[in-house]
Each structure stands twice: as C-alpha cells, then as structure tokens.
Amino acid sequence: MKNLIIVFACLICCLSGFAQVDTANEQTEILPGEELNTRNNPSSGDLYYGLTRKVMFDRMIPPFGIEVTFDKTVHVIFPSAITYVDLGSPNLVAGKADGVNNVLRLKAAIRDFSTETNFSVITDEGSFYSFNVKYADEPQKLNIEMKDFTHDGEAVNRPNNSLDIYLQELGKESPKLVSLIMKSVYDNDKRLFKHIGSKRFGMQFLLKGIYAYDNFLYLHTQIKNATNVPYDIDFIRIKIVDKKVAKRTAVQETVIVPLRAHNYVTRVNGNTTERTVFAIEKITIPNGKQLVIDVYEQNGGRHQSFVIENEDLIRAERINELKVR
C-alpha cells in the first residue's frame, strides 16, 4: 500500500512539472503582433541583431528644444544661409523667410499634436543643427537666434552644432575654415597693395590685398563713396580677359564666380566706405591675359574697374594663422 502511495505521488509531481514547463513556454512565446510592440518600446541602444557597435554619448550632437504652436510662427535665425532642412514629422511646416536665406519659419501643421518630433538644419558654413520639437499652446520663445558655436559643450565634450559638414561647391575645403579666413582678413584690415584700384566720379574701388590658403584665394576689396549720392551696386564681375584685342576680334573672357563673400555690399551710402572679402578658386593668369574686377552701379553710370596682373597674384600673402576677434 505504501509503495502504491509513493508511485502515485511521483506521478503527480511529474505532471506538475510538465504543466510548469508548458506554462513557461506559453509565457516566453512571442506572437506576431507582440513583436511589433517591442519595437515601439524605448530602446537602450543594445537591442540589435547581428554585430553592432553602440553609439556613445561623446559622438552625439545634443539637440536644442523648441516649442511650436498652430496660431503663431516661430522664427529661428542662423549665423549663415540655410542650405538644407529636414522635418521629422508632417506635424511641422517650415520654410525660409521671404527675401532672406538665414531665417527659418516654423509652425505646427495641426493643433495639439501629442508626440514629440524633430528637425535638422545645415548652413552653408558647414554647421549642422539638431532640434527636438513639442507642441505648446503658448511657446515661451518665438524668435530664436542660433549663435555660432566653435567650442565644446560642457556636458558631453562635443560642440552644440557640428562643423564637419562639407559642401560640394567647396570640394575638400571646410566651409567653416573658409568663413573664418574671410572674417580674419576682414577684421585685420591690412592694405597689402597700394597700386591696384580705380577712382572717378567721386567713387574709389580698390584691392587691399590677396591672400592664399590651400586651394583658395581671398580678395579683399574696398569701395569708398566720397559723394552725397548713395551708390547702389548692380553686380560685381571677376573675369580673365585678353590684354590686347585687335579690331574686329571677338573679346574672349572667362568669368570667375566667387564661391563665398564676407560682408557682401549692395549699397554704399554717401561719404562712407565699405569692404568685402571674396573667396575664389586658386588661379593663375596665362600670358597675354589679365584679371579684371568690375563693379556696376544700378541705374547709374559710375562704374569702376581695376586690373590684377599675374605678378600680383603670385605675391598673395600666405595665411599661417587666424586672428579673429
């Protein structure tokens, strides 16, 4: 009788064990619908299939936080022209402000959207900006100025806006470096040449200096208006032309388009002086040709022009260090 009781007890234990195994299997089984839910859950950054490497915080560009609303427009002012904008959600609408290139208008496309979204901006000086956006009935900040950060952030030892974006038109040259060089030339305001310029009609247009760094030349120009009549600039043209052109011979010229300009001037008021620094690709002038820079007045005839010889180009000052105030 005792043996029969022992056998019966063992049988109950075995059945109980099988039940526990089945229950455990039911708990760990992932249904097709449940797999989608796990993707929507917050991730620690480690939940990937295959061999991956975790992105550490020192590689992250911290985003700025911005609030938007439906009935008001938020304006974000950047240090230079905007070349790229990407919105993370249809809940946002954005566009450049009319007539300017460095102001972004931002607004909520629908009222009271609940999920946080984001957007990113790249400027022509190579800066990358990241933003997280949420809806607010009354945003605290409607007009935001983004300063030009070149230092590391205190929290994560990374800049608040990345300066590692390269633009196709500048090739391998860093847009930020080009911008800093132009600003340095402008701020130091040296006059290296005293023989290149033109002066007539009460106007003076001259070349203050030529600077060289890697594959670019930087031309520092100045326009002085000694009259009481404002001088509105129609356009400035840089070109390579023949020194001597025979009669009845077509003039052949090669136009040089500046890639960047610092303090590009469109008007010189009466009795004032304005300066501009142009960045162009490195060039030399073939024999029998010369470099000419023209400035044309809008709805006027006070045009100015001067000539740069090859000897002047090869005397360009080499930039070894930047002095930016």
Protein backbone atom coordinates (compact mmCIF):
# COMPACT_ATOMS: atom_id res chain seq x y z
CA MET A 1 0.00 0.00 0.00
CA LYS A 2 2.87 2.38 0.88
CA ASN A 3 4.55 1.60 -2.44
CA LEU A 4 1.34 2.45 -4.30
CA ILE A 5 1.09 5.80 -2.49
CA ILE A 6 4.74 6.64 -3.34
CA VAL A 7 4.20 5.84 -7.03
CA PHE A 8 1.04 7.96 -7.13
CA ALA A 9 2.88 10.93 -5.51
CA CYS A 10 5.72 10.68 -8.04
CA LEU A 11 3.19 10.68 -10.88
CA ILE A 12 1.58 13.89 -9.53
CA CYS A 13 4.99 15.61 -9.29
CA CYS A 14 5.84 14.71 -12.88
CA LEU A 15 2.52 16.00 -14.18
CA SER A 16 3.02 19.22 -12.19
CA GLY A 17 6.50 19.68 -13.72
CA PHE A 18 5.15 19.26 -17.26
CA ALA A 19 2.46 21.85 -16.51
CA GLN A 20 5.08 24.32 -15.31
CA VAL A 21 7.17 23.80 -18.45
CA ASP A 22 4.14 24.33 -20.67
CA THR A 23 3.24 27.48 -18.73
CA ALA A 24 6.75 28.82 -19.09
CA ASN A 25 6.70 28.12 -22.82
CA GLU A 26 3.42 29.96 -23.15
CA GLN A 27 4.88 32.97 -21.32
CA THR A 28 8.03 33.22 -23.44
CA GLU A 29 6.32 32.66 -26.77
CA ILE A 30 6.23 35.88 -28.88
CA LEU A 31 3.22 36.27 -31.10
CA PRO A 32 3.49 38.18 -34.41
CA GLY A 33 1.55 41.13 -33.02
CA GLU A 34 3.72 41.28 -29.90
CA GLU A 35 6.93 41.62 -31.93
CA LEU A 36 5.72 44.97 -33.24
CA ASN A 37 5.01 46.17 -29.71
CA THR A 38 8.60 45.51 -28.61
CA ARG A 39 9.85 47.76 -31.40
CA ASN A 40 7.69 50.59 -30.09
CA ASN A 41 9.10 50.29 -26.58
CA PRO A 42 12.02 52.57 -25.58
CA SER A 43 15.36 51.01 -26.52
CA SER A 44 18.58 51.08 -24.53
CA GLY A 45 20.58 51.11 -27.74
CA ASP A 46 21.70 47.49 -27.42
CA LEU A 47 18.71 45.69 -28.98
CA TYR A 48 20.08 44.94 -32.46
CA TYR A 49 20.51 41.72 -34.40
CA GLY A 50 23.97 40.87 -35.64
CA LEU A 51 27.27 42.58 -34.81
CA THR A 52 26.78 46.25 -33.90
CA ARG A 53 28.70 48.92 -32.07
CA LYS A 54 26.92 51.17 -29.61
CA VAL A 55 26.98 54.91 -30.31
CA MET A 56 28.47 56.59 -27.25
CA PHE A 57 27.37 59.97 -25.90
CA ASP A 58 30.61 61.64 -26.96
CA ARG A 59 29.50 61.06 -30.59
CA MET A 60 26.08 62.64 -30.11
CA ILE A 61 25.14 66.19 -31.12
CA PRO A 62 22.77 67.36 -28.36
CA PRO A 63 19.53 68.73 -29.86
CA PHE A 64 18.01 72.05 -28.89
CA GLY A 65 14.45 72.09 -27.56
CA ILE A 66 11.84 74.21 -29.35
CA GLU A 67 8.11 74.68 -28.77
CA VAL A 68 5.71 75.39 -31.64
CA THR A 69 2.02 76.22 -31.88
CA PHE A 70 -0.69 76.45 -34.53
CA ASP A 71 -1.62 80.14 -34.31
CA LYS A 72 1.87 81.67 -34.04
CA THR A 73 5.09 81.40 -36.08
CA VAL A 74 8.47 80.63 -34.54
CA HIS A 75 11.47 82.21 -36.29
CA VAL A 76 14.95 80.68 -35.94
CA ILE A 77 17.82 82.93 -37.07
CA PHE A 78 21.06 81.17 -38.11
CA PRO A 79 24.56 82.71 -38.46
CA SER A 80 24.68 81.93 -42.20
CA ALA A 81 22.49 80.87 -45.13
CA ILE A 82 20.40 77.69 -44.80
CA THR A 83 21.15 75.01 -47.40
CA TYR A 84 19.23 72.01 -46.00
CA VAL A 85 16.16 71.42 -43.81
CA ASP A 86 14.63 68.07 -42.84
CA LEU A 87 11.41 67.78 -40.81
CA GLY A 88 10.82 64.68 -38.75
CA SER A 89 7.02 64.73 -38.98
CA PRO A 90 4.12 66.08 -41.08
CA ASN A 91 3.02 67.79 -37.87
CA LEU A 92 5.52 70.56 -38.70
CA VAL A 93 5.65 73.06 -41.55
CA ALA A 94 8.77 75.14 -42.21
CA GLY A 95 10.28 77.39 -44.85
CA LYS A 96 12.81 80.15 -45.36
CA ALA A 97 11.58 83.66 -44.65
CA ASP A 98 10.90 85.62 -47.83
CA GLY A 99 13.87 87.59 -49.11
CA VAL A 100 16.45 86.16 -46.67
CA ASN A 101 18.45 82.93 -46.55
CA ASN A 102 19.28 82.51 -42.86
CA VAL A 103 15.85 82.72 -41.19
CA LEU A 104 13.64 79.63 -40.84
CA ARG A 105 9.89 79.92 -40.19
CA LEU A 106 8.42 77.08 -38.12
CA LYS A 107 4.81 76.26 -37.26
CA ALA A 108 2.56 73.39 -36.17
CA ALA A 109 0.59 71.90 -39.07
CA ILE A 110 -2.15 70.58 -36.76
CA ARG A 111 -3.37 71.59 -33.31
CA ASP A 112 -2.29 69.82 -30.14
CA PHE A 113 -0.13 67.07 -31.65
CA SER A 114 0.97 64.86 -28.78
CA THR A 115 4.12 63.09 -29.94
CA GLU A 116 7.47 64.86 -29.88
CA THR A 117 9.18 65.30 -33.26
CA ASN A 118 12.39 66.85 -34.57
CA PHE A 119 14.04 68.73 -37.43
CA SER A 120 17.61 69.36 -38.64
CA VAL A 121 19.31 72.25 -40.45
CA ILE A 122 22.60 72.57 -42.35
CA THR A 123 24.03 76.01 -43.15
CA ASP A 124 26.43 76.99 -45.91
CA GLU A 125 29.33 77.41 -43.49
CA GLY A 126 29.11 73.68 -42.73
CA SER A 127 27.26 73.78 -39.42
CA PHE A 128 24.73 71.08 -38.51
CA TYR A 129 21.93 71.92 -36.06
CA SER A 130 19.54 69.44 -34.42
CA PHE A 131 16.23 70.28 -32.70
CA ASN A 132 13.56 68.40 -30.73
CA VAL A 133 10.09 69.90 -31.07
CA LYS A 134 6.93 69.66 -28.96
CA TYR A 135 3.57 71.42 -29.11
CA ALA A 136 2.66 74.22 -26.71
CA ASP A 137 -0.37 76.49 -26.65
CA GLU A 138 1.88 79.46 -25.85
CA PRO A 139 5.56 78.89 -26.72
CA GLN A 140 7.93 80.75 -24.43
CA LYS A 141 10.38 81.63 -27.25
CA LEU A 142 9.04 82.82 -30.60
CA ASN A 143 12.25 84.35 -32.03
CA ILE A 144 15.45 82.37 -31.52
CA GLU A 145 18.98 83.34 -32.56
CA MET A 146 21.44 80.48 -33.04
CA LYS A 147 24.92 81.67 -32.18
CA ASP A 148 27.98 80.30 -33.93
CA PHE A 149 29.47 77.76 -31.51
CA THR A 150 33.04 76.62 -32.08
CA HIS A 151 33.73 75.37 -28.55
CA ASP A 152 32.90 72.02 -26.99
CA GLY A 153 29.76 71.56 -24.93
CA GLU A 154 30.34 71.15 -21.21
CA ALA A 155 28.11 68.11 -20.73
CA VAL A 156 29.28 65.76 -23.46
CA ASN A 157 32.51 67.38 -24.71
CA ARG A 158 31.01 67.88 -28.17
CA PRO A 159 30.07 71.09 -29.99
CA ASN A 160 26.43 72.16 -29.87
CA ASN A 161 26.44 72.32 -33.65
CA SER A 162 28.72 70.07 -35.66
CA LEU A 163 31.15 71.81 -38.04
CA ASP A 164 32.11 68.74 -40.05
CA ILE A 165 29.71 69.19 -42.98
CA TYR A 166 31.42 69.61 -46.35
CA LEU A 167 29.66 71.20 -49.31
CA GLN A 168 30.16 70.10 -52.90
CA GLU A 169 30.95 73.57 -54.22
CA LEU A 170 33.91 73.94 -51.84
CA GLY A 171 35.34 70.48 -52.50
CA LYS A 172 37.63 69.28 -49.72
CA GLU A 173 37.80 72.70 -48.05
CA SER A 174 35.97 73.08 -44.75
CA PRO A 175 33.19 75.69 -45.10
CA LYS A 176 33.82 76.79 -41.53
CA LEU A 177 37.52 77.35 -42.22
CA VAL A 178 36.72 79.40 -45.34
CA SER A 179 34.34 81.53 -43.27
CA LEU A 180 36.92 82.06 -40.52
CA ILE A 181 39.63 83.05 -43.02
CA MET A 182 37.38 85.65 -44.67
CA LYS A 183 36.42 87.06 -41.27
CA SER A 184 40.09 87.19 -40.23
CA VAL A 185 41.07 89.08 -43.40
CA TYR A 186 38.17 91.48 -42.92
CA ASP A 187 38.83 92.13 -39.22
CA ASN A 188 42.59 92.67 -39.60
CA ASP A 189 42.00 95.12 -42.48
CA LYS A 190 45.52 95.31 -43.89
CA ARG A 191 46.39 97.08 -47.13
CA LEU A 192 48.97 95.00 -48.99
CA PHE A 193 48.57 96.68 -52.40
CA LYS A 194 48.64 100.42 -52.98
CA HIS A 195 48.74 100.44 -56.77
CA ILE A 196 45.59 98.48 -57.71
CA GLY A 197 42.32 100.39 -57.95
CA SER A 198 40.27 103.00 -59.78
CA LYS A 199 38.98 106.44 -58.80
CA ARG A 200 36.45 108.54 -60.72
CA PHE A 201 33.01 110.13 -60.36
CA GLY A 202 33.70 110.63 -56.67
CA MET A 203 33.99 106.86 -56.17
CA GLN A 204 37.05 104.76 -55.30
CA PHE A 205 37.24 101.00 -55.85
CA LEU A 206 40.48 99.31 -54.83
CA LEU A 207 42.09 95.98 -53.96
CA LYS A 208 43.54 95.99 -50.45
CA GLY A 209 45.10 92.53 -50.54
CA ILE A 210 45.25 88.98 -51.91
CA TYR A 211 45.61 86.04 -49.54
CA ALA A 212 46.27 82.37 -50.28
CA TYR A 213 45.39 79.24 -48.33
CA ASP A 214 45.32 75.74 -49.83
CA ASN A 215 43.18 75.82 -52.99
CA PHE A 216 41.60 79.24 -52.49
CA LEU A 217 42.46 82.89 -52.99
CA TYR A 218 40.87 85.62 -50.89
CA LEU A 219 40.42 89.08 -52.46
CA HIS A 220 39.95 91.99 -50.05
CA THR A 221 38.20 94.90 -51.82
CA GLN A 222 37.05 98.34 -50.73
CA ILE A 223 34.53 100.84 -52.13
CA LYS A 224 34.57 104.45 -50.95
CA ASN A 225 31.81 106.90 -51.78
CA ALA A 226 33.01 110.50 -51.43
CA THR A 227 29.75 111.94 -52.76
CA ASN A 228 26.41 112.64 -51.12
CA VAL A 229 24.57 110.29 -53.50
CA PRO A 230 24.26 106.63 -52.39
CA TYR A 231 25.90 104.07 -54.67
CA ASP A 232 23.66 101.04 -55.31
CA ILE A 233 25.64 98.07 -56.65
CA ASP A 234 24.05 96.20 -59.53
CA PHE A 235 26.69 93.44 -59.69
CA ILE A 236 30.41 92.76 -59.30
CA ARG A 237 32.12 90.72 -62.01
CA ILE A 238 35.52 88.99 -61.86
CA LYS A 239 36.88 87.87 -65.23
CA ILE A 240 40.04 86.91 -67.15
CA VAL A 241 40.38 88.80 -70.43
CA ASP A 242 42.96 89.37 -73.17
CA LYS A 243 45.32 92.29 -72.61
CA LYS A 244 45.17 93.43 -76.21
CA VAL A 245 42.30 92.79 -78.55
CA ALA A 246 42.65 93.55 -82.25
CA LYS A 247 39.91 95.41 -84.02
CA ARG A 248 37.04 93.29 -85.31
CA THR A 249 38.10 90.46 -82.98
CA ALA A 250 35.61 88.99 -80.56
CA VAL A 251 36.51 89.59 -76.94
CA GLN A 252 37.14 86.33 -75.13
CA GLU A 253 36.70 86.33 -71.38
CA THR A 254 36.43 83.75 -68.60
CA VAL A 255 34.14 84.71 -65.73
CA ILE A 256 35.29 83.72 -62.24
CA VAL A 257 32.36 83.15 -59.90
CA PRO A 258 33.18 83.79 -56.20
CA LEU A 259 32.35 80.81 -54.01
CA ARG A 260 31.86 82.87 -50.87
CA ALA A 261 31.74 86.55 -49.87
CA HIS A 262 32.08 88.09 -46.41
CA ASN A 263 30.14 91.33 -45.86
CA TYR A 264 28.82 91.39 -49.43
CA VAL A 265 27.83 95.00 -50.04
CA THR A 266 24.82 96.07 -52.12
CA ARG A 267 24.81 99.78 -51.21
CA VAL A 268 27.44 102.34 -50.23
CA ASN A 269 25.82 105.37 -48.65
CA GLY A 270 27.14 108.87 -49.18
CA ASN A 271 30.52 109.66 -47.58
CA THR A 272 31.01 106.10 -46.32
CA THR A 273 33.38 103.20 -47.02
CA GLU A 274 32.52 99.51 -47.30
CA ARG A 275 34.73 96.43 -47.62
CA THR A 276 34.11 92.87 -48.93
CA VAL A 277 36.23 89.71 -48.93
CA PHE A 278 35.69 87.30 -51.84
CA ALA A 279 36.81 83.64 -51.88
CA ILE A 280 37.66 82.20 -55.30
CA GLU A 281 39.38 79.06 -56.50
CA LYS A 282 43.15 79.31 -56.89
CA ILE A 283 44.02 80.63 -60.37
CA THR A 284 46.98 81.88 -62.36
CA ILE A 285 46.75 84.05 -65.45
CA PRO A 286 48.12 82.83 -68.81
CA ASN A 287 50.45 85.02 -70.86
CA GLY A 288 48.69 87.81 -72.68
CA LYS A 289 45.75 87.86 -70.23
CA GLN A 290 44.81 89.77 -67.09
CA LEU A 291 42.30 89.57 -64.25
CA VAL A 292 39.71 92.37 -64.20
CA ILE A 293 37.23 93.19 -61.44
CA ASP A 294 34.29 95.43 -62.37
CA VAL A 295 31.60 96.96 -60.20
CA TYR A 296 28.47 98.32 -61.90
CA GLU A 297 26.08 100.86 -60.43
CA GLN A 298 22.39 100.08 -60.59
CA ASN A 299 20.52 102.64 -62.72
CA GLY A 300 23.67 104.75 -62.93
CA GLY A 301 26.94 105.24 -64.80
CA ARG A 302 29.58 105.40 -62.05
CA HIS A 303 31.10 102.05 -62.99
CA GLN A 304 34.51 101.16 -61.56
CA SER A 305 37.15 98.69 -62.76
CA PHE A 306 40.72 97.65 -61.95
CA VAL A 307 43.25 95.13 -63.31
CA ILE A 308 45.21 92.42 -61.46
CA GLU A 309 48.35 91.09 -63.14
CA ASN A 310 49.83 87.63 -62.70
CA GLU A 311 52.69 89.20 -60.73
CA ASP A 312 50.15 90.43 -58.18
CA LEU A 313 48.55 87.00 -57.79
CA ILE A 314 51.81 85.22 -57.11
CA ARG A 315 52.56 87.83 -54.42
CA ALA A 316 49.48 86.74 -52.46
CA GLU A 317 50.14 86.62 -48.72
CA ARG A 318 50.19 83.16 -47.23
CA ILE A 319 47.82 82.65 -44.28
CA ASN A 320 49.67 80.87 -41.49
CA GLU A 321 47.44 81.76 -38.56
CA LEU A 322 43.99 83.18 -37.99
CA LYS A 323 43.37 86.28 -35.92
CA VAL A 324 39.64 86.51 -35.38
CA ARG A 325 38.22 88.96 -32.88
